[in-house]
Structure formats: C-alpha cells, structure tokens
Amino acid sequence: MMFPKMTSLMFAALALVGCAAMPAPRNLADAQYQPSQAIEAPEAKACVDPAPPPVVASLQPMSLAVVNAAQDVIAAGDRFKLM
C-alpha cells in the first residue's frame, strides 16, 4: 500500500517541477489594444500627413502628354523590389 502512495506523490512533485512564474506584461498605460476598451482621451488625435522627404523639392512637374508619350518602363511580367 505504501508503494502506490509514494508513486503518486512523486508524480505530483514531478508535475510541478516544470511550472514557473512568467514576468508581468509591460503594457503601456494608455494602450487600448482590445475592442472592449473605451477611448479615455477627451478628444481623439487627428491624423496628420508626414512631411515629404527633402528630395521632393527638387522634382519638377511633367505634363500628362509627355508621360503618355514615353515608352513603358515596367511591363506585365516584370519583377521589381520596393525598398
């Protein structure tokens, strides 16, 4: 009778060996990541377009006729990578 009790006690102890406490999550205080959370801010922040890069200032506008007359640079089946 002693053997089954000792065996069950050993299995119970072995089952708890792998248990460990996880660190607490570091959620931001004002993060609203669940749909059930209501926005607590009195007014929503407006979306603002980012400023264009400085290289855009040096570009010149082209007429649509020049663009339509130009040969196609990218055609069907071409592969390219955007970075």
PDB file of N, CA and C in Angstrom:
ATOM      1  N   MET A   1       0.815  -1.188   0.000  1.00  0.00           N
ATOM      2  CA  MET A   1       0.000   0.000   0.000  1.00  0.00           C
ATOM      3  C   MET A   1       0.864   1.260   0.000  1.00  0.00           C
ATOM      4  N   MET A   2       2.049   1.156   0.534  1.00  0.00           N
ATOM      5  CA  MET A   2       2.934   2.313   0.611  1.00  0.00           C
ATOM      6  C   MET A   2       3.468   2.713  -0.773  1.00  0.00           C
ATOM      7  N   PHE A   3       3.690   1.713  -1.639  1.00  0.00           N
ATOM      8  CA  PHE A   3       4.259   1.984  -2.959  1.00  0.00           C
ATOM      9  C   PHE A   3       3.351   2.855  -3.821  1.00  0.00           C
ATOM     10  N   PRO A   4       2.046   2.595  -3.952  1.00  0.00           N
ATOM     11  CA  PRO A   4       1.190   3.461  -4.776  1.00  0.00           C
ATOM     12  C   PRO A   4       1.097   4.891  -4.235  1.00  0.00           C
ATOM     13  N   LYS A   5       1.087   5.063  -2.930  1.00  0.00           N
ATOM     14  CA  LYS A   5       1.025   6.407  -2.370  1.00  0.00           C
ATOM     15  C   LYS A   5       2.308   7.167  -2.661  1.00  0.00           C
ATOM     16  N   MET A   6       3.441   6.481  -2.524  1.00  0.00           N
ATOM     17  CA  MET A   6       4.732   7.126  -2.786  1.00  0.00           C
ATOM     18  C   MET A   6       4.871   7.474  -4.261  1.00  0.00           C
ATOM     19  N   THR A   7       4.402   6.582  -5.125  1.00  0.00           N
ATOM     20  CA  THR A   7       4.472   6.821  -6.566  1.00  0.00           C
ATOM     21  C   THR A   7       3.602   8.020  -6.950  1.00  0.00           C
ATOM     22  N   SER A   8       2.411   8.080  -6.433  1.00  0.00           N
ATOM     23  CA  SER A   8       1.537   9.209  -6.772  1.00  0.00           C
ATOM     24  C   SER A   8       2.095  10.514  -6.232  1.00  0.00           C
ATOM     25  N   LEU A   9       2.753  10.477  -5.085  1.00  0.00           N
ATOM     26  CA  LEU A   9       3.367  11.673  -4.523  1.00  0.00           C
ATOM     27  C   LEU A   9       4.538  12.129  -5.397  1.00  0.00           C
ATOM     28  N   MET A  10       5.309  11.172  -5.909  1.00  0.00           N
ATOM     29  CA  MET A  10       6.436  11.524  -6.786  1.00  0.00           C
ATOM     30  C   MET A  10       5.940  12.114  -8.101  1.00  0.00           C
ATOM     31  N   PHE A  11       4.875  11.534  -8.670  1.00  0.00           N
ATOM     32  CA  PHE A  11       4.325  12.071  -9.916  1.00  0.00           C
ATOM     33  C   PHE A  11       3.758  13.473  -9.720  1.00  0.00           C
ATOM     34  N   ALA A  12       3.137  13.711  -8.583  1.00  0.00           N
ATOM     35  CA  ALA A  12       2.613  15.047  -8.296  1.00  0.00           C
ATOM     36  C   ALA A  12       3.761  16.053  -8.171  1.00  0.00           C
ATOM     37  N   ALA A  13       4.866  15.647  -7.527  1.00  0.00           N
ATOM     38  CA  ALA A  13       6.017  16.537  -7.392  1.00  0.00           C
ATOM     39  C   ALA A  13       6.672  16.795  -8.741  1.00  0.00           C
ATOM     40  N   LEU A  14       6.767  15.762  -9.577  1.00  0.00           N
ATOM     41  CA  LEU A  14       7.362  15.930 -10.906  1.00  0.00           C
ATOM     42  C   LEU A  14       6.496  16.812 -11.797  1.00  0.00           C
ATOM     43  N   ALA A  15       5.198  16.777 -11.606  1.00  0.00           N
ATOM     44  CA  ALA A  15       4.307  17.606 -12.420  1.00  0.00           C
ATOM     45  C   ALA A  15       4.512  19.083 -12.141  1.00  0.00           C
ATOM     46  N   LEU A  16       4.946  19.426 -10.935  1.00  0.00           N
ATOM     47  CA  LEU A  16       5.144  20.827 -10.569  1.00  0.00           C
ATOM     48  C   LEU A  16       6.551  21.324 -10.856  1.00  0.00           C
ATOM     49  N   VAL A  17       7.459  20.437 -11.248  1.00  0.00           N
ATOM     50  CA  VAL A  17       8.839  20.844 -11.491  1.00  0.00           C
ATOM     51  C   VAL A  17       8.922  21.831 -12.653  1.00  0.00           C
ATOM     52  N   GLY A  18       8.143  21.626 -13.707  1.00  0.00           N
ATOM     53  CA  GLY A  18       8.223  22.480 -14.879  1.00  0.00           C
ATOM     54  C   GLY A  18       7.471  23.793 -14.754  1.00  0.00           C
ATOM     55  N   CYS A  19       6.756  24.015 -13.682  1.00  0.00           N
ATOM     56  CA  CYS A  19       5.977  25.245 -13.519  1.00  0.00           C
ATOM     57  C   CYS A  19       6.896  26.406 -13.174  1.00  0.00           C
ATOM     58  N   ALA A  20       6.651  27.530 -13.778  1.00  0.00           N
ATOM     59  CA  ALA A  20       7.425  28.730 -13.483  1.00  0.00           C
ATOM     60  C   ALA A  20       6.515  29.937 -13.632  1.00  0.00           C
ATOM     61  N   ALA A  21       6.795  30.963 -12.885  1.00  0.00           N
ATOM     62  CA  ALA A  21       6.016  32.199 -12.968  1.00  0.00           C
ATOM     63  C   ALA A  21       6.546  33.038 -14.124  1.00  0.00           C
ATOM     64  N   MET A  22       5.647  33.596 -14.906  1.00  0.00           N
ATOM     65  CA  MET A  22       6.031  34.461 -16.025  1.00  0.00           C
ATOM     66  C   MET A  22       6.155  35.894 -15.529  1.00  0.00           C
ATOM     67  N   PRO A  23       7.017  36.679 -16.168  1.00  0.00           N
ATOM     68  CA  PRO A  23       7.095  38.084 -15.773  1.00  0.00           C
ATOM     69  C   PRO A  23       5.802  38.813 -16.151  1.00  0.00           C
ATOM     70  N   ALA A  24       5.510  39.849 -15.436  1.00  0.00           N
ATOM     71  CA  ALA A  24       4.303  40.629 -15.707  1.00  0.00           C
ATOM     72  C   ALA A  24       4.439  41.325 -17.060  1.00  0.00           C
ATOM     73  N   PRO A  25       3.377  41.396 -17.873  1.00  0.00           N
ATOM     74  CA  PRO A  25       3.471  42.076 -19.163  1.00  0.00           C
ATOM     75  C   PRO A  25       3.692  43.575 -18.974  1.00  0.00           C
ATOM     76  N   ARG A  26       4.440  44.142 -19.891  1.00  0.00           N
ATOM     77  CA  ARG A  26       4.730  45.580 -19.813  1.00  0.00           C
ATOM     78  C   ARG A  26       3.851  46.338 -20.803  1.00  0.00           C
ATOM     79  N   ASN A  27       2.580  46.385 -20.532  1.00  0.00           N
ATOM     80  CA  ASN A  27       1.660  47.124 -21.385  1.00  0.00           C
ATOM     81  C   ASN A  27       1.782  48.617 -21.106  1.00  0.00           C
ATOM     82  N   LEU A  28       1.645  49.393 -22.136  1.00  0.00           N
ATOM     83  CA  LEU A  28       1.661  50.837 -21.963  1.00  0.00           C
ATOM     84  C   LEU A  28       0.422  51.271 -21.200  1.00  0.00           C
ATOM     85  N   ALA A  29       0.568  52.295 -20.403  1.00  0.00           N
ATOM     86  CA  ALA A  29      -0.539  52.738 -19.554  1.00  0.00           C
ATOM     87  C   ALA A  29      -1.741  53.186 -20.375  1.00  0.00           C
ATOM     88  N   ASP A  30      -1.511  53.857 -21.512  1.00  0.00           N
ATOM     89  CA  ASP A  30      -2.629  54.372 -22.298  1.00  0.00           C
ATOM     90  C   ASP A  30      -2.915  53.524 -23.540  1.00  0.00           C
ATOM     91  N   ALA A  31      -2.348  52.329 -23.616  1.00  0.00           N
ATOM     92  CA  ALA A  31      -2.578  51.467 -24.774  1.00  0.00           C
ATOM     93  C   ALA A  31      -3.993  50.913 -24.738  1.00  0.00           C
ATOM     94  N   GLN A  32      -4.652  50.984 -25.857  1.00  0.00           N
ATOM     95  CA  GLN A  32      -6.013  50.449 -25.961  1.00  0.00           C
ATOM     96  C   GLN A  32      -5.984  49.408 -27.062  1.00  0.00           C
ATOM     97  N   TYR A  33      -5.678  48.186 -26.662  1.00  0.00           N
ATOM     98  CA  TYR A  33      -5.423  47.118 -27.611  1.00  0.00           C
ATOM     99  C   TYR A  33      -6.568  46.129 -27.718  1.00  0.00           C
ATOM    100  N   GLN A  34      -7.641  46.328 -27.011  1.00  0.00           N
ATOM    101  CA  GLN A  34      -8.789  45.441 -27.119  1.00  0.00           C
ATOM    102  C   GLN A  34     -10.006  46.257 -27.542  1.00  0.00           C
ATOM    103  N   PRO A  35     -10.880  45.672 -28.378  1.00  0.00           N
ATOM    104  CA  PRO A  35     -12.056  46.411 -28.830  1.00  0.00           C
ATOM    105  C   PRO A  35     -12.979  46.822 -27.690  1.00  0.00           C
ATOM    106  N   SER A  36     -12.945  46.086 -26.583  1.00  0.00           N
ATOM    107  CA  SER A  36     -13.852  46.399 -25.488  1.00  0.00           C
ATOM    108  C   SER A  36     -13.387  47.597 -24.665  1.00  0.00           C
ATOM    109  N   GLN A  37     -12.167  48.070 -24.887  1.00  0.00           N
ATOM    110  CA  GLN A  37     -11.676  49.216 -24.126  1.00  0.00           C
ATOM    111  C   GLN A  37     -12.177  50.506 -24.768  1.00  0.00           C
ATOM    112  N   ALA A  38     -12.669  51.391 -23.961  1.00  0.00           N
ATOM    113  CA  ALA A  38     -13.159  52.675 -24.459  1.00  0.00           C
ATOM    114  C   ALA A  38     -12.007  53.672 -24.487  1.00  0.00           C
ATOM    115  N   ILE A  39     -12.046  54.582 -25.436  1.00  0.00           N
ATOM    116  CA  ILE A  39     -11.021  55.620 -25.510  1.00  0.00           C
ATOM    117  C   ILE A  39     -11.255  56.591 -24.364  1.00  0.00           C
ATOM    118  N   GLU A  40     -10.242  56.740 -23.539  1.00  0.00           N
ATOM    119  CA  GLU A  40     -10.384  57.580 -22.359  1.00  0.00           C
ATOM    120  C   GLU A  40     -10.004  59.032 -22.627  1.00  0.00           C
ATOM    121  N   ALA A  41      -9.334  59.291 -23.730  1.00  0.00           N
ATOM    122  CA  ALA A  41      -8.925  60.651 -24.034  1.00  0.00           C
ATOM    123  C   ALA A  41     -10.167  61.478 -24.366  1.00  0.00           C
ATOM    124  N   PRO A  42     -10.243  62.727 -23.923  1.00  0.00           N
ATOM    125  CA  PRO A  42     -11.426  63.550 -24.198  1.00  0.00           C
ATOM    126  C   PRO A  42     -11.615  63.826 -25.692  1.00  0.00           C
ATOM    127  N   GLU A  43     -10.542  63.911 -26.430  1.00  0.00           N
ATOM    128  CA  GLU A  43     -10.661  64.136 -27.867  1.00  0.00           C
ATOM    129  C   GLU A  43      -9.650  63.264 -28.589  1.00  0.00           C
ATOM    130  N   ALA A  44     -10.027  62.744 -29.723  1.00  0.00           N
ATOM    131  CA  ALA A  44      -9.145  61.867 -30.486  1.00  0.00           C
ATOM    132  C   ALA A  44      -8.082  62.703 -31.189  1.00  0.00           C
ATOM    133  N   LYS A  45      -6.911  62.110 -31.340  1.00  0.00           N
ATOM    134  CA  LYS A  45      -5.827  62.790 -32.044  1.00  0.00           C
ATOM    135  C   LYS A  45      -6.105  62.766 -33.543  1.00  0.00           C
ATOM    136  N   ALA A  46      -5.872  63.878 -34.204  1.00  0.00           N
ATOM    137  CA  ALA A  46      -6.113  63.969 -35.635  1.00  0.00           C
ATOM    138  C   ALA A  46      -4.965  63.321 -36.402  1.00  0.00           C
ATOM    139  N   CYS A  47      -5.297  62.686 -37.516  1.00  0.00           N
ATOM    140  CA  CYS A  47      -4.277  62.111 -38.387  1.00  0.00           C
ATOM    141  C   CYS A  47      -3.620  63.236 -39.178  1.00  0.00           C
ATOM    142  N   VAL A  48      -2.304  63.210 -39.237  1.00  0.00           N
ATOM    143  CA  VAL A  48      -1.553  64.241 -39.940  1.00  0.00           C
ATOM    144  C   VAL A  48      -0.644  63.568 -40.958  1.00  0.00           C
ATOM    145  N   ASP A  49      -0.642  64.074 -42.177  1.00  0.00           N
ATOM    146  CA  ASP A  49       0.265  63.542 -43.192  1.00  0.00           C
ATOM    147  C   ASP A  49       1.698  63.861 -42.815  1.00  0.00           C
ATOM    148  N   PRO A  50       2.614  62.908 -42.995  1.00  0.00           N
ATOM    149  CA  PRO A  50       4.019  63.209 -42.719  1.00  0.00           C
ATOM    150  C   PRO A  50       4.569  64.177 -43.752  1.00  0.00           C
ATOM    151  N   ALA A  51       5.594  64.891 -43.384  1.00  0.00           N
ATOM    152  CA  ALA A  51       6.228  65.836 -44.314  1.00  0.00           C
ATOM    153  C   ALA A  51       6.911  65.059 -45.431  1.00  0.00           C
ATOM    154  N   PRO A  52       6.872  65.576 -46.655  1.00  0.00           N
ATOM    155  CA  PRO A  52       7.541  64.870 -47.756  1.00  0.00           C
ATOM    156  C   PRO A  52       9.059  64.909 -47.574  1.00  0.00           C
ATOM    157  N   PRO A  53       9.776  63.928 -48.121  1.00  0.00           N
ATOM    158  CA  PRO A  53      11.227  63.947 -47.999  1.00  0.00           C
ATOM    159  C   PRO A  53      11.833  65.141 -48.736  1.00  0.00           C
ATOM    160  N   PRO A  54      13.013  65.579 -48.349  1.00  0.00           N
ATOM    161  CA  PRO A  54      13.626  66.768 -48.974  1.00  0.00           C
ATOM    162  C   PRO A  54      13.874  66.621 -50.468  1.00  0.00           C
ATOM    163  N   VAL A  55      14.064  65.403 -50.972  1.00  0.00           N
ATOM    164  CA  VAL A  55      14.350  65.222 -52.397  1.00  0.00           C
ATOM    165  C   VAL A  55      13.156  65.625 -53.262  1.00  0.00           C
ATOM    166  N   VAL A  56      11.967  65.646 -52.713  1.00  0.00           N
ATOM    167  CA  VAL A  56      10.777  66.001 -53.478  1.00  0.00           C
ATOM    168  C   VAL A  56      10.824  67.463 -53.922  1.00  0.00           C
ATOM    169  N   ALA A  57      11.462  68.305 -53.155  1.00  0.00           N
ATOM    170  CA  ALA A  57      11.527  69.738 -53.510  1.00  0.00           C
ATOM    171  C   ALA A  57      12.267  69.970 -54.817  1.00  0.00           C
ATOM    172  N   SER A  58      13.208  69.078 -55.175  1.00  0.00           N
ATOM    173  CA  SER A  58      13.985  69.272 -56.399  1.00  0.00           C
ATOM    174  C   SER A  58      13.284  68.711 -57.633  1.00  0.00           C
ATOM    175  N   LEU A  59      12.161  68.021 -57.480  1.00  0.00           N
ATOM    176  CA  LEU A  59      11.458  67.442 -58.621  1.00  0.00           C
ATOM    177  C   LEU A  59      10.626  68.495 -59.341  1.00  0.00           C
ATOM    178  N   GLN A  60      10.512  68.322 -60.668  1.00  0.00           N
ATOM    179  CA  GLN A  60       9.740  69.255 -61.488  1.00  0.00           C
ATOM    180  C   GLN A  60       8.497  68.541 -62.026  1.00  0.00           C
ATOM    181  N   PRO A  61       7.350  69.225 -62.115  1.00  0.00           N
ATOM    182  CA  PRO A  61       6.145  68.581 -62.651  1.00  0.00           C
ATOM    183  C   PRO A  61       6.279  68.331 -64.162  1.00  0.00           C
ATOM    184  N   MET A  62       5.631  67.265 -64.628  1.00  0.00           N
ATOM    185  CA  MET A  62       5.635  66.941 -66.063  1.00  0.00           C
ATOM    186  C   MET A  62       4.206  66.979 -66.572  1.00  0.00           C
ATOM    187  N   SER A  63       4.072  67.296 -67.833  1.00  0.00           N
ATOM    188  CA  SER A  63       2.730  67.298 -68.416  1.00  0.00           C
ATOM    189  C   SER A  63       2.308  65.853 -68.688  1.00  0.00           C
ATOM    190  N   LEU A  64       1.010  65.635 -68.716  1.00  0.00           N
ATOM    191  CA  LEU A  64       0.477  64.302 -68.941  1.00  0.00           C
ATOM    192  C   LEU A  64       0.797  63.798 -70.347  1.00  0.00           C
ATOM    193  N   ALA A  65       0.883  64.689 -71.305  1.00  0.00           N
ATOM    194  CA  ALA A  65       1.204  64.294 -72.687  1.00  0.00           C
ATOM    195  C   ALA A  65       2.603  63.692 -72.758  1.00  0.00           C
ATOM    196  N   VAL A  66       3.550  64.247 -72.030  1.00  0.00           N
ATOM    197  CA  VAL A  66       4.924  63.718 -72.027  1.00  0.00           C
ATOM    198  C   VAL A  66       4.939  62.329 -71.383  1.00  0.00           C
ATOM    199  N   VAL A  67       4.196  62.154 -70.318  1.00  0.00           N
ATOM    200  CA  VAL A  67       4.153  60.858 -69.637  1.00  0.00           C
ATOM    201  C   VAL A  67       3.503  59.810 -70.536  1.00  0.00           C
ATOM    202  N   ASN A  68       2.419  60.155 -71.228  1.00  0.00           N
ATOM    203  CA  ASN A  68       1.742  59.207 -72.108  1.00  0.00           C
ATOM    204  C   ASN A  68       2.590  58.847 -73.317  1.00  0.00           C
ATOM    205  N   ALA A  69       3.406  59.758 -73.803  1.00  0.00           N
ATOM    206  CA  ALA A  69       4.238  59.503 -74.978  1.00  0.00           C
ATOM    207  C   ALA A  69       5.476  58.683 -74.629  1.00  0.00           C
ATOM    208  N   ALA A  70       5.856  58.631 -73.396  1.00  0.00           N
ATOM    209  CA  ALA A  70       7.068  57.904 -73.002  1.00  0.00           C
ATOM    210  C   ALA A  70       6.849  56.405 -73.136  1.00  0.00           C
ATOM    211  N   GLN A  71       7.956  55.688 -73.409  1.00  0.00           N
ATOM    212  CA  GLN A  71       7.905  54.239 -73.531  1.00  0.00           C
ATOM    213  C   GLN A  71       7.681  53.633 -72.140  1.00  0.00           C
ATOM    214  N   ASP A  72       6.922  52.541 -72.090  1.00  0.00           N
ATOM    215  CA  ASP A  72       6.687  51.873 -70.809  1.00  0.00           C
ATOM    216  C   ASP A  72       7.991  51.303 -70.276  1.00  0.00           C
ATOM    217  N   VAL A  73       8.263  51.601 -69.029  1.00  0.00           N
ATOM    218  CA  VAL A  73       9.463  51.093 -68.399  1.00  0.00           C
ATOM    219  C   VAL A  73       9.152  49.767 -67.700  1.00  0.00           C
ATOM    220  N   ILE A  74       7.982  49.676 -67.096  1.00  0.00           N
ATOM    221  CA  ILE A  74       7.551  48.462 -66.408  1.00  0.00           C
ATOM    222  C   ILE A  74       6.412  47.863 -67.218  1.00  0.00           C
ATOM    223  N   ALA A  75       6.561  46.589 -67.557  1.00  0.00           N
ATOM    224  CA  ALA A  75       5.543  45.912 -68.347  1.00  0.00           C
ATOM    225  C   ALA A  75       5.044  44.691 -67.588  1.00  0.00           C
ATOM    226  N   ALA A  76       4.025  44.076 -68.127  1.00  0.00           N
ATOM    227  CA  ALA A  76       3.468  42.879 -67.497  1.00  0.00           C
ATOM    228  C   ALA A  76       4.536  41.794 -67.428  1.00  0.00           C
ATOM    229  N   GLY A  77       4.644  41.149 -66.292  1.00  0.00           N
ATOM    230  CA  GLY A  77       5.620  40.079 -66.103  1.00  0.00           C
ATOM    231  C   GLY A  77       6.941  40.556 -65.526  1.00  0.00           C
ATOM    232  N   ASP A  78       7.154  41.875 -65.470  1.00  0.00           N
ATOM    233  CA  ASP A  78       8.395  42.395 -64.871  1.00  0.00           C
ATOM    234  C   ASP A  78       8.369  42.166 -63.376  1.00  0.00           C
ATOM    235  N   ARG A  79       9.551  41.978 -62.825  1.00  0.00           N
ATOM    236  CA  ARG A  79       9.689  41.824 -61.375  1.00  0.00           C
ATOM    237  C   ARG A  79      10.556  42.945 -60.858  1.00  0.00           C
ATOM    238  N   PHE A  80      10.150  43.518 -59.729  1.00  0.00           N
ATOM    239  CA  PHE A  80      10.955  44.551 -59.108  1.00  0.00           C
ATOM    240  C   PHE A  80      10.728  44.512 -57.613  1.00  0.00           C
ATOM    241  N   LYS A  81      11.658  45.080 -56.880  1.00  0.00           N
ATOM    242  CA  LYS A  81      11.609  45.041 -55.429  1.00  0.00           C
ATOM    243  C   LYS A  81      11.514  46.468 -54.903  1.00  0.00           C
ATOM    244  N   LEU A  82      10.519  46.740 -54.080  1.00  0.00           N
ATOM    245  CA  LEU A  82      10.375  48.052 -53.460  1.00  0.00           C
ATOM    246  C   LEU A  82      11.106  48.039 -52.135  1.00  0.00           C
ATOM    247  N   MET A  83      11.874  49.046 -51.895  1.00  0.00           N
ATOM    248  CA  MET A  83      12.640  49.121 -50.641  1.00  0.00           C
ATOM    249  C   MET A  83      12.212  50.299 -49.840  1.00  0.00           C
TER     250      MET A  83
END
